Amino acid sequence: MNSDFIWVEKYRPKTIDDCILPESTKTMFREFLNKGEIPNMLLAGPPGIGKTTVAKALCNELDAVPAKSRARCAANCAVPAVPA
């Protein structure tokens, strides 16, 4: 399926400069890009604040392939009850 088919993907910011972020945060991400590497990061926050968008924008600018996160899967998996 073409990613332009999904509205959210079509209009998702492609670069850090396109993202709406505090200037101090943009500066930090630009420094990562200038160095050409991204340190290990944990992006946390409520749904819809741009965690995935920022991660994809960083990867786009470095021509990297974003890795799929297993955190969402792990958070949604049911843990079987342990018998007492």
N, C-alpha and C. Protein backbone atom coordinates (compact mmCIF):
# COMPACT_ATOMS: atom_id res chain seq x y z
N MET A 1 0.85 -1.18 0.00
CA MET A 1 0.00 0.00 0.00
C MET A 1 0.89 1.24 0.00
N ASN A 2 0.58 2.17 -0.83
CA ASN A 2 1.33 3.41 -0.94
C ASN A 2 1.14 4.24 0.33
N SER A 3 2.25 4.76 0.90
CA SER A 3 2.12 5.53 2.14
C SER A 3 1.36 6.84 1.93
N ASP A 4 1.28 7.33 0.67
CA ASP A 4 0.50 8.54 0.41
C ASP A 4 -0.99 8.29 0.51
N PHE A 5 -1.39 7.03 0.49
CA PHE A 5 -2.80 6.68 0.61
C PHE A 5 -3.33 7.04 1.99
N ILE A 6 -2.51 6.90 3.00
CA ILE A 6 -2.91 7.20 4.37
C ILE A 6 -2.64 8.68 4.62
N TRP A 7 -3.67 9.44 4.93
CA TRP A 7 -3.57 10.88 5.10
C TRP A 7 -2.51 11.25 6.11
N VAL A 8 -2.47 10.56 7.24
CA VAL A 8 -1.52 10.87 8.31
C VAL A 8 -0.09 10.76 7.81
N GLU A 9 0.20 9.73 7.03
CA GLU A 9 1.55 9.55 6.51
C GLU A 9 1.87 10.58 5.43
N LYS A 10 0.89 10.91 4.62
CA LYS A 10 1.11 11.87 3.54
C LYS A 10 1.52 13.24 4.07
N TYR A 11 0.89 13.67 5.16
CA TYR A 11 1.13 15.01 5.69
C TYR A 11 2.02 15.03 6.92
N ARG A 12 2.60 13.90 7.30
CA ARG A 12 3.51 13.84 8.44
C ARG A 12 4.77 14.66 8.12
N PRO A 13 5.25 15.49 9.06
CA PRO A 13 6.50 16.22 8.81
C PRO A 13 7.64 15.26 8.46
N LYS A 14 8.43 15.63 7.47
CA LYS A 14 9.52 14.76 7.00
C LYS A 14 10.87 15.14 7.59
N THR A 15 11.00 16.35 8.14
CA THR A 15 12.26 16.79 8.72
C THR A 15 12.00 17.36 10.11
N ILE A 16 13.07 17.50 10.88
CA ILE A 16 12.95 18.09 12.21
C ILE A 16 12.49 19.55 12.10
N ASP A 17 12.97 20.26 11.09
CA ASP A 17 12.55 21.66 10.92
C ASP A 17 11.06 21.77 10.63
N ASP A 18 10.46 20.75 10.03
CA ASP A 18 9.02 20.75 9.76
C ASP A 18 8.19 20.47 11.01
N CYS A 19 8.81 19.85 12.01
CA CYS A 19 8.08 19.50 13.25
C CYS A 19 7.86 20.73 14.11
N ILE A 20 6.73 20.77 14.79
CA ILE A 20 6.44 21.86 15.71
C ILE A 20 6.96 21.42 17.08
N LEU A 21 8.11 22.00 17.45
CA LEU A 21 8.79 21.63 18.69
C LEU A 21 9.34 22.89 19.34
N PRO A 22 9.60 22.84 20.66
CA PRO A 22 10.31 23.97 21.29
C PRO A 22 11.67 24.14 20.62
N GLU A 23 12.13 25.37 20.50
CA GLU A 23 13.40 25.64 19.80
C GLU A 23 14.57 24.91 20.44
N SER A 24 14.56 24.78 21.77
CA SER A 24 15.67 24.07 22.43
C SER A 24 15.70 22.59 22.04
N THR A 25 14.53 22.01 21.85
CA THR A 25 14.45 20.61 21.44
C THR A 25 14.90 20.45 20.00
N LYS A 26 14.47 21.37 19.13
CA LYS A 26 14.91 21.32 17.73
C LYS A 26 16.42 21.45 17.64
N THR A 27 16.99 22.34 18.45
CA THR A 27 18.44 22.54 18.45
C THR A 27 19.16 21.26 18.85
N MET A 28 18.65 20.58 19.86
CA MET A 28 19.26 19.33 20.30
C MET A 28 19.21 18.29 19.18
N PHE A 29 18.06 18.15 18.51
CA PHE A 29 17.94 17.19 17.43
C PHE A 29 18.83 17.57 16.24
N ARG A 30 18.95 18.87 15.95
CA ARG A 30 19.84 19.32 14.86
C ARG A 30 21.29 18.96 15.17
N GLU A 31 21.69 19.08 16.44
CA GLU A 31 23.05 18.70 16.83
C GLU A 31 23.29 17.21 16.57
N PHE A 32 22.30 16.38 16.87
CA PHE A 32 22.43 14.95 16.56
C PHE A 32 22.64 14.76 15.06
N LEU A 33 21.86 15.48 14.25
CA LEU A 33 21.95 15.35 12.80
C LEU A 33 23.30 15.84 12.28
N ASN A 34 23.80 16.93 12.86
CA ASN A 34 25.10 17.45 12.43
C ASN A 34 26.23 16.45 12.73
N LYS A 35 26.10 15.72 13.84
CA LYS A 35 27.09 14.69 14.18
C LYS A 35 26.92 13.44 13.31
N GLY A 36 25.73 13.27 12.75
CA GLY A 36 25.48 12.13 11.88
C GLY A 36 25.11 10.87 12.62
N GLU A 37 24.76 11.00 13.89
CA GLU A 37 24.33 9.83 14.65
C GLU A 37 23.35 10.26 15.73
N ILE A 38 22.49 9.32 16.06
CA ILE A 38 21.47 9.56 17.08
C ILE A 38 21.80 8.68 18.28
N PRO A 39 21.89 9.28 19.47
CA PRO A 39 22.15 8.45 20.65
C PRO A 39 20.91 7.62 21.00
N ASN A 40 21.09 6.67 21.86
CA ASN A 40 19.93 5.91 22.34
C ASN A 40 18.99 6.88 23.04
N MET A 41 17.72 6.82 22.67
CA MET A 41 16.73 7.73 23.25
C MET A 41 15.47 6.96 23.60
N LEU A 42 14.78 7.44 24.60
CA LEU A 42 13.47 6.92 24.95
C LEU A 42 12.52 8.10 24.84
N LEU A 43 11.68 8.09 23.83
CA LEU A 43 10.70 9.15 23.63
C LEU A 43 9.42 8.74 24.36
N ALA A 44 9.04 9.53 25.34
CA ALA A 44 7.88 9.17 26.16
C ALA A 44 6.88 10.33 26.18
N GLY A 45 5.63 9.99 26.36
CA GLY A 45 4.58 10.99 26.45
C GLY A 45 3.26 10.41 26.02
N PRO A 46 2.21 11.20 26.17
CA PRO A 46 0.88 10.72 25.80
C PRO A 46 0.74 10.56 24.29
N PRO A 47 -0.28 9.83 23.86
CA PRO A 47 -0.51 9.65 22.42
C PRO A 47 -0.72 10.98 21.71
N GLY A 48 -0.17 11.08 20.50
CA GLY A 48 -0.44 12.23 19.66
C GLY A 48 0.49 13.41 19.81
N ILE A 49 1.56 13.30 20.61
CA ILE A 49 2.43 14.46 20.78
C ILE A 49 3.60 14.48 19.80
N GLY A 50 3.77 13.42 19.01
CA GLY A 50 4.77 13.45 17.96
C GLY A 50 6.00 12.57 18.16
N LYS A 51 5.93 11.60 19.04
CA LYS A 51 7.09 10.73 19.28
C LYS A 51 7.50 9.99 18.01
N THR A 52 6.56 9.37 17.37
CA THR A 52 6.85 8.61 16.14
C THR A 52 7.27 9.56 15.03
N THR A 53 6.62 10.70 14.92
CA THR A 53 6.95 11.68 13.88
C THR A 53 8.39 12.15 14.03
N VAL A 54 8.81 12.46 15.25
CA VAL A 54 10.18 12.91 15.47
C VAL A 54 11.17 11.80 15.13
N ALA A 55 10.87 10.59 15.56
CA ALA A 55 11.77 9.46 15.27
C ALA A 55 11.89 9.25 13.76
N LYS A 56 10.77 9.30 13.04
CA LYS A 56 10.81 9.11 11.59
C LYS A 56 11.53 10.27 10.90
N ALA A 57 11.33 11.49 11.39
CA ALA A 57 12.00 12.65 10.80
C ALA A 57 13.51 12.53 10.97
N LEU A 58 13.96 12.12 12.14
CA LEU A 58 15.40 11.93 12.36
C LEU A 58 15.95 10.88 11.42
N CYS A 59 15.24 9.78 11.28
CA CYS A 59 15.69 8.71 10.38
C CYS A 59 15.69 9.17 8.93
N ASN A 60 14.66 9.92 8.53
CA ASN A 60 14.60 10.44 7.15
C ASN A 60 15.82 11.31 6.84
N GLU A 61 16.18 12.17 7.79
CA GLU A 61 17.28 13.09 7.54
C GLU A 61 18.63 12.39 7.54
N LEU A 62 18.73 11.26 8.19
CA LEU A 62 19.99 10.50 8.20
C LEU A 62 19.97 9.36 7.19
N ASP A 63 18.91 9.27 6.39
CA ASP A 63 18.74 8.17 5.44
C ASP A 63 18.85 6.82 6.13
N ALA A 64 18.28 6.74 7.31
CA ALA A 64 18.28 5.49 8.08
C ALA A 64 16.89 4.86 8.00
N VAL A 65 16.83 3.59 8.31
CA VAL A 65 15.55 2.89 8.32
C VAL A 65 15.09 2.79 9.78
N PRO A 66 13.91 3.33 10.09
CA PRO A 66 13.44 3.24 11.48
C PRO A 66 13.15 1.80 11.86
N ALA A 67 13.55 1.42 13.07
CA ALA A 67 13.27 0.08 13.58
C ALA A 67 11.87 0.07 14.17
N LYS A 68 11.21 -1.04 14.05
CA LYS A 68 9.88 -1.18 14.65
C LYS A 68 10.05 -1.34 16.16
N SER A 69 9.23 -0.64 16.91
CA SER A 69 9.29 -0.73 18.36
C SER A 69 8.43 -1.88 18.84
N ARG A 70 8.95 -2.59 19.81
CA ARG A 70 8.16 -3.66 20.41
C ARG A 70 7.48 -3.17 21.68
N ALA A 71 7.72 -1.94 22.06
CA ALA A 71 7.15 -1.42 23.30
C ALA A 71 5.63 -1.44 23.25
N ARG A 72 5.06 -1.05 22.12
CA ARG A 72 3.60 -1.03 22.00
C ARG A 72 3.05 -2.44 22.15
N CYS A 73 3.69 -3.40 21.50
CA CYS A 73 3.24 -4.78 21.59
C CYS A 73 3.33 -5.28 23.03
N ALA A 74 4.47 -5.00 23.67
CA ALA A 74 4.67 -5.47 25.03
C ALA A 74 3.64 -4.84 25.98
N ALA A 75 3.30 -3.58 25.74
CA ALA A 75 2.35 -2.91 26.62
C ALA A 75 0.94 -3.45 26.44
N ASN A 76 0.63 -3.97 25.26
CA ASN A 76 -0.73 -4.44 24.99
C ASN A 76 -0.89 -5.95 25.20
N CYS A 77 0.18 -6.66 25.45
CA CYS A 77 0.09 -8.10 25.62
C CYS A 77 -0.44 -8.44 27.01
N ALA A 78 -1.32 -9.40 27.03
CA ALA A 78 -1.86 -9.85 28.32
C ALA A 78 -0.86 -10.79 28.99
N VAL A 79 -0.66 -10.60 30.26
CA VAL A 79 0.23 -11.46 31.02
C VAL A 79 -0.62 -12.53 31.69
N PRO A 80 -0.34 -13.81 31.42
CA PRO A 80 -1.16 -14.85 32.02
C PRO A 80 -1.02 -14.86 33.55
N ALA A 81 -2.10 -15.19 34.19
CA ALA A 81 -2.10 -15.26 35.65
C ALA A 81 -1.25 -16.44 36.11
N VAL A 82 -0.50 -16.22 37.17
CA VAL A 82 0.34 -17.28 37.73
C VAL A 82 -0.47 -17.96 38.83
N PRO A 83 -0.64 -19.29 38.74
CA PRO A 83 -1.41 -19.97 39.79
C PRO A 83 -0.72 -19.88 41.13
N ALA A 84 -1.51 -19.71 42.17
CA ALA A 84 -0.94 -19.56 43.53
C ALA A 84 -0.61 -20.91 44.13
